[in-house]
ModelCIF file with pLDDT and N, C-alpha, C, O atoms, coordinates in Angstrom:
data_MODEL
#
_entry.id   MODEL 
#
_entity.id                         1 
_entity.type                       polymer 
_entity.pdbx_number_of_molecules   1 
#
_entity_poly.entity_id                      1 
_entity_poly.type                           'polypeptide(L)' 
_entity_poly.nstd_linkage                   no 
_entity_poly.nstd_monomer                   no 
_entity_poly.pdbx_seq_one_letter_code       FMPVGTQATVKGMSPDRLRELGAEIVLSNTYHL 
_entity_poly.pdbx_seq_one_letter_code_can   FMPVGTQATVKGMSPDRLRELGAEIVLSNTYHL 
_entity_poly.pdbx_strand_id                 A 
#
loop_
_entity_poly_seq.entity_id 
_entity_poly_seq.num 
_entity_poly_seq.mon_id 
_entity_poly_seq.hetero 
1 1  PHE n 
1 2  MET n 
1 3  PRO n 
1 4  VAL n 
1 5  GLY n 
1 6  THR n 
1 7  GLN n 
1 8  ALA n 
1 9  THR n 
1 10 VAL n 
1 11 LYS n 
1 12 GLY n 
1 13 MET n 
1 14 SER n 
1 15 PRO n 
1 16 ASP n 
1 17 ARG n 
1 18 LEU n 
1 19 ARG n 
1 20 GLU n 
1 21 LEU n 
1 22 GLY n 
1 23 ALA n 
1 24 GLU n 
1 25 ILE n 
1 26 VAL n 
1 27 LEU n 
1 28 SER n 
1 29 ASN n 
1 30 THR n 
1 31 TYR n 
1 32 HIS n 
1 33 LEU n 
#
_struct_asym.id          A 
_struct_asym.entity_id   1 
#
loop_
_ma_qa_metric.id 
_ma_qa_metric.mode 
_ma_qa_metric.name 
_ma_qa_metric.software_group_id 
_ma_qa_metric.type 
1 global pLDDT . pLDDT 
2 local  pLDDT . pLDDT 
#
_ma_qa_metric_global.metric_id      1 
_ma_qa_metric_global.metric_value   97.12 
_ma_qa_metric_global.model_id       1 
_ma_qa_metric_global.ordinal_id     1 
#
loop_
_ma_qa_metric_local.label_asym_id 
_ma_qa_metric_local.label_comp_id 
_ma_qa_metric_local.label_seq_id 
_ma_qa_metric_local.metric_id 
_ma_qa_metric_local.metric_value 
_ma_qa_metric_local.model_id 
_ma_qa_metric_local.ordinal_id 
A PHE 1  2 98.00 1 1  
A MET 2  2 98.00 1 2  
A PRO 3  2 98.00 1 3  
A VAL 4  2 98.00 1 4  
A GLY 5  2 97.00 1 5  
A THR 6  2 94.00 1 6  
A GLN 7  2 96.00 1 7  
A ALA 8  2 98.00 1 8  
A THR 9  2 98.00 1 9  
A VAL 10 2 98.00 1 10 
A LYS 11 2 97.00 1 11 
A GLY 12 2 96.00 1 12 
A MET 13 2 98.00 1 13 
A SER 14 2 98.00 1 14 
A PRO 15 2 98.00 1 15 
A ASP 16 2 98.00 1 16 
A ARG 17 2 98.00 1 17 
A LEU 18 2 98.00 1 18 
A ARG 19 2 98.00 1 19 
A GLU 20 2 97.00 1 20 
A LEU 21 2 98.00 1 21 
A GLY 22 2 97.00 1 22 
A ALA 23 2 98.00 1 23 
A GLU 24 2 98.00 1 24 
A ILE 25 2 98.00 1 25 
A VAL 26 2 98.00 1 26 
A LEU 27 2 98.00 1 27 
A SER 28 2 98.00 1 28 
A ASN 29 2 95.00 1 29 
A THR 30 2 94.00 1 30 
A TYR 31 2 93.00 1 31 
A HIS 32 2 94.00 1 32 
A LEU 33 2 97.00 1 33 
#
loop_
_atom_site.group_PDB 
_atom_site.id 
_atom_site.type_symbol 
_atom_site.label_atom_id 
_atom_site.label_alt_id 
_atom_site.label_comp_id 
_atom_site.label_asym_id 
_atom_site.label_entity_id 
_atom_site.label_seq_id 
_atom_site.pdbx_PDB_ins_code 
_atom_site.Cartn_x 
_atom_site.Cartn_y 
_atom_site.Cartn_z 
_atom_site.occupancy 
_atom_site.B_iso_or_equiv 
_atom_site.pdbx_formal_charge 
_atom_site.auth_seq_id 
_atom_site.auth_comp_id 
_atom_site.auth_asym_id 
_atom_site.auth_atom_id 
_atom_site.pdbx_PDB_model_num 
ATOM 1   N N  . PHE A 1 1  ? 0.856  -1.184 0.000   1.00 98.00 ? 1  PHE A N  1 
ATOM 2   C CA . PHE A 1 1  ? 0.000  0.000  0.000   1.00 98.00 ? 1  PHE A CA 1 
ATOM 3   C C  . PHE A 1 1  ? 0.888  1.229  0.000   1.00 98.00 ? 1  PHE A C  1 
ATOM 4   O O  . PHE A 1 1  ? 1.820  1.332  0.797   1.00 98.00 ? 1  PHE A O  1 
ATOM 5   N N  . MET A 1 2  ? 0.591  2.173  -0.911  1.00 98.00 ? 2  MET A N  1 
ATOM 6   C CA . MET A 1 2  ? 1.376  3.394  -1.041  1.00 98.00 ? 2  MET A CA 1 
ATOM 7   C C  . MET A 1 2  ? 0.603  4.574  -0.459  1.00 98.00 ? 2  MET A C  1 
ATOM 8   O O  . MET A 1 2  ? -0.422 4.956  -1.024  1.00 98.00 ? 2  MET A O  1 
ATOM 9   N N  . PRO A 1 3  ? 1.050  5.163  0.643   1.00 98.00 ? 3  PRO A N  1 
ATOM 10  C CA . PRO A 1 3  ? 0.399  6.385  1.139   1.00 98.00 ? 3  PRO A CA 1 
ATOM 11  C C  . PRO A 1 3  ? 0.496  7.490  0.089   1.00 98.00 ? 3  PRO A C  1 
ATOM 12  O O  . PRO A 1 3  ? 1.481  7.582  -0.643  1.00 98.00 ? 3  PRO A O  1 
ATOM 13  N N  . VAL A 1 4  ? -0.528 8.317  0.027   1.00 98.00 ? 4  VAL A N  1 
ATOM 14  C CA . VAL A 1 4  ? -0.572 9.379  -0.968  1.00 98.00 ? 4  VAL A CA 1 
ATOM 15  C C  . VAL A 1 4  ? 0.032  10.656 -0.393  1.00 98.00 ? 4  VAL A C  1 
ATOM 16  O O  . VAL A 1 4  ? -0.471 11.221 0.578   1.00 98.00 ? 4  VAL A O  1 
ATOM 17  N N  . GLY A 1 5  ? 1.118  11.092 -1.014  1.00 97.00 ? 5  GLY A N  1 
ATOM 18  C CA . GLY A 1 5  ? 1.760  12.354 -0.657  1.00 97.00 ? 5  GLY A CA 1 
ATOM 19  C C  . GLY A 1 5  ? 1.654  13.295 -1.843  1.00 97.00 ? 5  GLY A C  1 
ATOM 20  O O  . GLY A 1 5  ? 2.661  13.617 -2.473  1.00 97.00 ? 5  GLY A O  1 
ATOM 21  N N  . THR A 1 6  ? 0.457  13.731 -2.147  1.00 94.00 ? 6  THR A N  1 
ATOM 22  C CA . THR A 1 6  ? 0.151  14.466 -3.372  1.00 94.00 ? 6  THR A CA 1 
ATOM 23  C C  . THR A 1 6  ? 1.155  15.576 -3.650  1.00 94.00 ? 6  THR A C  1 
ATOM 24  O O  . THR A 1 6  ? 1.687  15.669 -4.756  1.00 94.00 ? 6  THR A O  1 
ATOM 25  N N  . GLN A 1 7  ? 1.414  16.412 -2.665  1.00 96.00 ? 7  GLN A N  1 
ATOM 26  C CA . GLN A 1 7  ? 2.260  17.592 -2.860  1.00 96.00 ? 7  GLN A CA 1 
ATOM 27  C C  . GLN A 1 7  ? 3.617  17.412 -2.163  1.00 96.00 ? 7  GLN A C  1 
ATOM 28  O O  . GLN A 1 7  ? 4.121  18.321 -1.503  1.00 96.00 ? 7  GLN A O  1 
ATOM 29  N N  . ALA A 1 8  ? 4.190  16.215 -2.330  1.00 98.00 ? 8  ALA A N  1 
ATOM 30  C CA . ALA A 1 8  ? 5.489  15.878 -1.749  1.00 98.00 ? 8  ALA A CA 1 
ATOM 31  C C  . ALA A 1 8  ? 5.438  15.796 -0.234  1.00 98.00 ? 8  ALA A C  1 
ATOM 32  O O  . ALA A 1 8  ? 6.437  16.028 0.446   1.00 98.00 ? 8  ALA A O  1 
ATOM 33  N N  . THR A 1 9  ? 4.257  15.462 0.293   1.00 98.00 ? 9  THR A N  1 
ATOM 34  C CA . THR A 1 9  ? 4.130  15.217 1.727   1.00 98.00 ? 9  THR A CA 1 
ATOM 35  C C  . THR A 1 9  ? 2.884  14.383 1.974   1.00 98.00 ? 9  THR A C  1 
ATOM 36  O O  . THR A 1 9  ? 1.834  14.637 1.382   1.00 98.00 ? 9  THR A O  1 
ATOM 37  N N  . VAL A 1 10 ? 2.996  13.401 2.833   1.00 98.00 ? 10 VAL A N  1 
ATOM 38  C CA . VAL A 1 10 ? 1.821  12.677 3.310   1.00 98.00 ? 10 VAL A CA 1 
ATOM 39  C C  . VAL A 1 10 ? 1.273  13.494 4.469   1.00 98.00 ? 10 VAL A C  1 
ATOM 40  O O  . VAL A 1 10 ? 1.928  13.624 5.503   1.00 98.00 ? 10 VAL A O  1 
ATOM 41  N N  . LYS A 1 11 ? 0.100  14.034 4.308   1.00 97.00 ? 11 LYS A N  1 
ATOM 42  C CA . LYS A 1 11 ? -0.435 15.005 5.261   1.00 97.00 ? 11 LYS A CA 1 
ATOM 43  C C  . LYS A 1 11 ? -0.431 14.452 6.693   1.00 97.00 ? 11 LYS A C  1 
ATOM 44  O O  . LYS A 1 11 ? -0.933 13.361 6.961   1.00 97.00 ? 11 LYS A O  1 
ATOM 45  N N  . GLY A 1 12 ? 0.155  15.248 7.607   1.00 96.00 ? 12 GLY A N  1 
ATOM 46  C CA . GLY A 1 12 ? 0.174  14.887 9.010   1.00 96.00 ? 12 GLY A CA 1 
ATOM 47  C C  . GLY A 1 12 ? 1.313  13.978 9.414   1.00 96.00 ? 12 GLY A C  1 
ATOM 48  O O  . GLY A 1 12 ? 1.448  13.655 10.594  1.00 96.00 ? 12 GLY A O  1 
ATOM 49  N N  . MET A 1 13 ? 2.153  13.548 8.451   1.00 98.00 ? 13 MET A N  1 
ATOM 50  C CA . MET A 1 13 ? 3.222  12.602 8.751   1.00 98.00 ? 13 MET A CA 1 
ATOM 51  C C  . MET A 1 13 ? 4.579  13.138 8.300   1.00 98.00 ? 13 MET A C  1 
ATOM 52  O O  . MET A 1 13 ? 4.721  13.605 7.170   1.00 98.00 ? 13 MET A O  1 
ATOM 53  N N  . SER A 1 14 ? 5.571  13.070 9.181   1.00 98.00 ? 14 SER A N  1 
ATOM 54  C CA . SER A 1 14 ? 6.937  13.367 8.790   1.00 98.00 ? 14 SER A CA 1 
ATOM 55  C C  . SER A 1 14 ? 7.548  12.118 8.154   1.00 98.00 ? 14 SER A C  1 
ATOM 56  O O  . SER A 1 14 ? 7.088  11.011 8.433   1.00 98.00 ? 14 SER A O  1 
ATOM 57  N N  . PRO A 1 15 ? 8.570  12.265 7.306   1.00 98.00 ? 15 PRO A N  1 
ATOM 58  C CA . PRO A 1 15 ? 9.188  11.090 6.676   1.00 98.00 ? 15 PRO A CA 1 
ATOM 59  C C  . PRO A 1 15 ? 9.682  10.044 7.674   1.00 98.00 ? 15 PRO A C  1 
ATOM 60  O O  . PRO A 1 15 ? 9.557  8.845  7.424   1.00 98.00 ? 15 PRO A O  1 
ATOM 61  N N  . ASP A 1 16 ? 10.243 10.488 8.806   1.00 98.00 ? 16 ASP A N  1 
ATOM 62  C CA . ASP A 1 16 ? 10.736 9.502  9.777   1.00 98.00 ? 16 ASP A CA 1 
ATOM 63  C C  . ASP A 1 16 ? 9.588  8.705  10.383  1.00 98.00 ? 16 ASP A C  1 
ATOM 64  O O  . ASP A 1 16 ? 9.735  7.511  10.647  1.00 98.00 ? 16 ASP A O  1 
ATOM 65  N N  . ARG A 1 17 ? 8.441  9.353  10.606  1.00 98.00 ? 17 ARG A N  1 
ATOM 66  C CA . ARG A 1 17 ? 7.265  8.643  11.110  1.00 98.00 ? 17 ARG A CA 1 
ATOM 67  C C  . ARG A 1 17 ? 6.789  7.613  10.096  1.00 98.00 ? 17 ARG A C  1 
ATOM 68  O O  . ARG A 1 17 ? 6.432  6.493  10.460  1.00 98.00 ? 17 ARG A O  1 
ATOM 69  N N  . LEU A 1 18 ? 6.786  7.995  8.821   1.00 98.00 ? 18 LEU A N  1 
ATOM 70  C CA . LEU A 1 18 ? 6.370  7.060  7.783   1.00 98.00 ? 18 LEU A CA 1 
ATOM 71  C C  . LEU A 1 18 ? 7.269  5.833  7.742   1.00 98.00 ? 18 LEU A C  1 
ATOM 72  O O  . LEU A 1 18 ? 6.796  4.704  7.607   1.00 98.00 ? 18 LEU A O  1 
ATOM 73  N N  . ARG A 1 19 ? 8.573  6.070  7.862   1.00 98.00 ? 19 ARG A N  1 
ATOM 74  C CA . ARG A 1 19 ? 9.507  4.933  7.872   1.00 98.00 ? 19 ARG A CA 1 
ATOM 75  C C  . ARG A 1 19 ? 9.244  4.030  9.064   1.00 98.00 ? 19 ARG A C  1 
ATOM 76  O O  . ARG A 1 19 ? 9.252  2.806  8.936   1.00 98.00 ? 19 ARG A O  1 
ATOM 77  N N  . GLU A 1 20 ? 9.010  4.634  10.229  1.00 97.00 ? 20 GLU A N  1 
ATOM 78  C CA . GLU A 1 20 ? 8.737  3.839  11.435  1.00 97.00 ? 20 GLU A CA 1 
ATOM 79  C C  . GLU A 1 20 ? 7.470  3.004  11.276  1.00 97.00 ? 20 GLU A C  1 
ATOM 80  O O  . GLU A 1 20 ? 7.399  1.877  11.766  1.00 97.00 ? 20 GLU A O  1 
ATOM 81  N N  . LEU A 1 21 ? 6.473  3.557  10.595  1.00 98.00 ? 21 LEU A N  1 
ATOM 82  C CA . LEU A 1 21 ? 5.222  2.836  10.392  1.00 98.00 ? 21 LEU A CA 1 
ATOM 83  C C  . LEU A 1 21 ? 5.377  1.680  9.414   1.00 98.00 ? 21 LEU A C  1 
ATOM 84  O O  . LEU A 1 21 ? 4.579  0.742  9.423   1.00 98.00 ? 21 LEU A O  1 
ATOM 85  N N  . GLY A 1 22 ? 6.405  1.746  8.571   1.00 97.00 ? 22 GLY A N  1 
ATOM 86  C CA . GLY A 1 22 ? 6.645  0.671  7.617   1.00 97.00 ? 22 GLY A CA 1 
ATOM 87  C C  . GLY A 1 22 ? 6.335  1.019  6.181   1.00 97.00 ? 22 GLY A C  1 
ATOM 88  O O  . GLY A 1 22 ? 6.237  0.123  5.343   1.00 97.00 ? 22 GLY A O  1 
ATOM 89  N N  . ALA A 1 23 ? 6.176  2.300  5.870   1.00 98.00 ? 23 ALA A N  1 
ATOM 90  C CA . ALA A 1 23 ? 5.931  2.694  4.481   1.00 98.00 ? 23 ALA A CA 1 
ATOM 91  C C  . ALA A 1 23 ? 7.149  2.357  3.634   1.00 98.00 ? 23 ALA A C  1 
ATOM 92  O O  . ALA A 1 23 ? 8.268  2.744  3.972   1.00 98.00 ? 23 ALA A O  1 
ATOM 93  N N  . GLU A 1 24 ? 6.940  1.642  2.542   1.00 98.00 ? 24 GLU A N  1 
ATOM 94  C CA . GLU A 1 24 ? 8.035  1.255  1.668   1.00 98.00 ? 24 GLU A CA 1 
ATOM 95  C C  . GLU A 1 24 ? 8.137  2.136  0.435   1.00 98.00 ? 24 GLU A C  1 
ATOM 96  O O  . GLU A 1 24 ? 9.209  2.260  -0.156  1.00 98.00 ? 24 GLU A O  1 
ATOM 97  N N  . ILE A 1 25 ? 7.027  2.748  0.045   1.00 98.00 ? 25 ILE A N  1 
ATOM 98  C CA . ILE A 1 25 ? 6.973  3.576  -1.153  1.00 98.00 ? 25 ILE A CA 1 
ATOM 99  C C  . ILE A 1 25 ? 5.809  4.545  -0.976  1.00 98.00 ? 25 ILE A C  1 
ATOM 100 O O  . ILE A 1 25 ? 4.783  4.182  -0.400  1.00 98.00 ? 25 ILE A O  1 
ATOM 101 N N  . VAL A 1 26 ? 5.960  5.770  -1.467  1.00 98.00 ? 26 VAL A N  1 
ATOM 102 C CA . VAL A 1 26 ? 4.882  6.753  -1.394  1.00 98.00 ? 26 VAL A CA 1 
ATOM 103 C C  . VAL A 1 26 ? 4.571  7.261  -2.793  1.00 98.00 ? 26 VAL A C  1 
ATOM 104 O O  . VAL A 1 26 ? 5.366  7.105  -3.720  1.00 98.00 ? 26 VAL A O  1 
ATOM 105 N N  . LEU A 1 27 ? 3.402  7.870  -2.927  1.00 98.00 ? 27 LEU A N  1 
ATOM 106 C CA . LEU A 1 27 ? 2.952  8.411  -4.206  1.00 98.00 ? 27 LEU A CA 1 
ATOM 107 C C  . LEU A 1 27 ? 2.880  9.924  -4.128  1.00 98.00 ? 27 LEU A C  1 
ATOM 108 O O  . LEU A 1 27 ? 2.385  10.486 -3.151  1.00 98.00 ? 27 LEU A O  1 
ATOM 109 N N  . SER A 1 28 ? 3.382  10.581 -5.173  1.00 98.00 ? 28 SER A N  1 
ATOM 110 C CA . SER A 1 28 ? 3.202  12.027 -5.317  1.00 98.00 ? 28 SER A CA 1 
ATOM 111 C C  . SER A 1 28 ? 2.592  12.302 -6.683  1.00 98.00 ? 28 SER A C  1 
ATOM 112 O O  . SER A 1 28 ? 2.487  11.400 -7.514  1.00 98.00 ? 28 SER A O  1 
ATOM 113 N N  . ASN A 1 29 ? 2.187  13.549 -6.916  1.00 95.00 ? 29 ASN A N  1 
ATOM 114 C CA . ASN A 1 29 ? 1.398  13.832 -8.109  1.00 95.00 ? 29 ASN A CA 1 
ATOM 115 C C  . ASN A 1 29 ? 2.035  14.868 -9.018  1.00 95.00 ? 29 ASN A C  1 
ATOM 116 O O  . ASN A 1 29 ? 2.439  15.944 -8.578  1.00 95.00 ? 29 ASN A O  1 
ATOM 117 N N  . THR A 1 30 ? 2.115  14.521 -10.294 1.00 94.00 ? 30 THR A N  1 
ATOM 118 C CA . THR A 1 30 ? 2.746  15.371 -11.297 1.00 94.00 ? 30 THR A CA 1 
ATOM 119 C C  . THR A 1 30 ? 2.015  16.698 -11.469 1.00 94.00 ? 30 THR A C  1 
ATOM 120 O O  . THR A 1 30 ? 2.643  17.754 -11.537 1.00 94.00 ? 30 THR A O  1 
ATOM 121 N N  . TYR A 1 31 ? 0.700  16.641 -11.537 1.00 93.00 ? 31 TYR A N  1 
ATOM 122 C CA . TYR A 1 31 ? -0.086 17.857 -11.767 1.00 93.00 ? 31 TYR A CA 1 
ATOM 123 C C  . TYR A 1 31 ? 0.199  18.896 -10.693 1.00 93.00 ? 31 TYR A C  1 
ATOM 124 O O  . TYR A 1 31 ? 0.505  20.047 -11.007 1.00 93.00 ? 31 TYR A O  1 
ATOM 125 N N  . HIS A 1 32 ? 0.103  18.503 -9.444  1.00 94.00 ? 32 HIS A N  1 
ATOM 126 C CA . HIS A 1 32 ? 0.275  19.454 -8.347  1.00 94.00 ? 32 HIS A CA 1 
ATOM 127 C C  . HIS A 1 32 ? 1.712  19.960 -8.254  1.00 94.00 ? 32 HIS A C  1 
ATOM 128 O O  . HIS A 1 32 ? 1.924  21.150 -8.024  1.00 94.00 ? 32 HIS A O  1 
ATOM 129 N N  . LEU A 1 33 ? 2.694  19.094 -8.424  1.00 97.00 ? 33 LEU A N  1 
ATOM 130 C CA . LEU A 1 33 ? 4.086  19.524 -8.295  1.00 97.00 ? 33 LEU A CA 1 
ATOM 131 C C  . LEU A 1 33 ? 4.531  20.345 -9.498  1.00 97.00 ? 33 LEU A C  1 
ATOM 132 O O  . LEU A 1 33 ? 5.678  20.788 -9.553  1.00 97.00 ? 33 LEU A O  1 
#
C-alpha cells in the first residue's frame, strides 16, 4: 500500500514517522508539483 503524498508530503506525517510505520513507497502527483 502506497500512502498518498500528493504535494510531496503525506499530510500529518513526517518522513521519519512514515519509515517507522513501515511505508516502503509513497505516491506524489505530477499535476500538483
